[in-house]
Amino acid sequence: MKLEGGLMGIHVQVLVDSGASHCSIDSNVAAALGLVVETNAVLGVKLGD
């Protein structure tokens, strides 16, 4: 399910996946929110339509 909203005055799009095992955030959004980003192992992401 894809939702649109705002977080601290910044427009965001959120993909809700109740079966997901990981969470992610776009680095530009994280920087705009003043969040500290820690780099982890690279995960392969597959998208389907």
C-alpha atoms as a PDB file:
ATOM      1  CA  MET A   1       0.000   0.000   0.000  1.00  0.00           C
ATOM      2  CA  LYS A   2       1.400   3.408  -0.969  1.00  0.00           C
ATOM      3  CA  LEU A   3       0.562   6.449   1.155  1.00  0.00           C
ATOM      4  CA  GLU A   4       1.416  10.134   0.869  1.00  0.00           C
ATOM      5  CA  GLY A   5       1.841  12.455   3.798  1.00  0.00           C
ATOM      6  CA  GLY A   6       4.109  14.853   5.603  1.00  0.00           C
ATOM      7  CA  LEU A   7       6.818  14.483   8.199  1.00  0.00           C
ATOM      8  CA  MET A   8       8.174  17.587   9.916  1.00  0.00           C
ATOM      9  CA  GLY A   9       6.910  19.713   7.011  1.00  0.00           C
ATOM     10  CA  ILE A  10       8.472  17.508   4.318  1.00  0.00           C
ATOM     11  CA  HIS A  11       6.294  15.719   1.736  1.00  0.00           C
ATOM     12  CA  VAL A  12       6.936  11.966   1.806  1.00  0.00           C
ATOM     13  CA  GLN A  13       5.636   8.855   0.088  1.00  0.00           C
ATOM     14  CA  VAL A  14       5.477   5.727   2.235  1.00  0.00           C
ATOM     15  CA  LEU A  15       5.283   2.140   1.023  1.00  0.00           C
ATOM     16  CA  VAL A  16       3.637  -0.061   3.658  1.00  0.00           C
ATOM     17  CA  ASP A  17       4.509  -3.761   3.401  1.00  0.00           C
ATOM     18  CA  SER A  18       3.324  -5.816   6.368  1.00  0.00           C
ATOM     19  CA  GLY A  19       5.498  -8.745   5.262  1.00  0.00           C
ATOM     20  CA  ALA A  20       8.728  -6.763   4.907  1.00  0.00           C
ATOM     21  CA  SER A  21      11.803  -7.850   6.836  1.00  0.00           C
ATOM     22  CA  HIS A  22      13.700  -4.547   6.457  1.00  0.00           C
ATOM     23  CA  CYS A  23      12.983  -0.814   6.443  1.00  0.00           C
ATOM     24  CA  SER A  24      14.657   1.843   4.328  1.00  0.00           C
ATOM     25  CA  ILE A  25      14.600   5.593   3.794  1.00  0.00           C
ATOM     26  CA  ASP A  26      15.839   7.726   0.920  1.00  0.00           C
ATOM     27  CA  SER A  27      19.125   9.399   1.871  1.00  0.00           C
ATOM     28  CA  ASN A  28      17.851  12.819   0.729  1.00  0.00           C
ATOM     29  CA  VAL A  29      14.784  12.542   2.973  1.00  0.00           C
ATOM     30  CA  ALA A  30      16.935  11.414   5.902  1.00  0.00           C
ATOM     31  CA  ALA A  31      19.273  14.388   5.413  1.00  0.00           C
ATOM     32  CA  ALA A  32      16.350  16.828   5.171  1.00  0.00           C
ATOM     33  CA  LEU A  33      14.993  15.464   8.468  1.00  0.00           C
ATOM     34  CA  GLY A  34      18.405  15.722  10.142  1.00  0.00           C
ATOM     35  CA  LEU A  35      18.640  11.968  10.693  1.00  0.00           C
ATOM     36  CA  VAL A  36      21.923  10.127  11.161  1.00  0.00           C
ATOM     37  CA  VAL A  37      22.320   7.376   8.569  1.00  0.00           C
ATOM     38  CA  GLU A  38      24.373   4.260   9.267  1.00  0.00           C
ATOM     39  CA  THR A  39      25.547   2.246   6.280  1.00  0.00           C
ATOM     40  CA  ASN A  40      24.817  -1.485   6.397  1.00  0.00           C
ATOM     41  CA  ALA A  41      25.385  -4.375   4.055  1.00  0.00           C
ATOM     42  CA  VAL A  42      23.922  -3.873   0.607  1.00  0.00           C
ATOM     43  CA  LEU A  43      20.520  -5.484   0.138  1.00  0.00           C
ATOM     44  CA  GLY A  44      19.140  -6.436  -3.243  1.00  0.00           C
ATOM     45  CA  VAL A  45      15.712  -4.934  -3.883  1.00  0.00           C
ATOM     46  CA  LYS A  46      13.277  -6.324  -6.425  1.00  0.00           C
ATOM     47  CA  LEU A  47      10.212  -4.355  -7.445  1.00  0.00           C
ATOM     48  CA  GLY A  48       7.157  -5.822  -9.112  1.00  0.00           C
ATOM     49  CA  ASP A  49       4.199  -4.195 -10.739  1.00  0.00           C
END
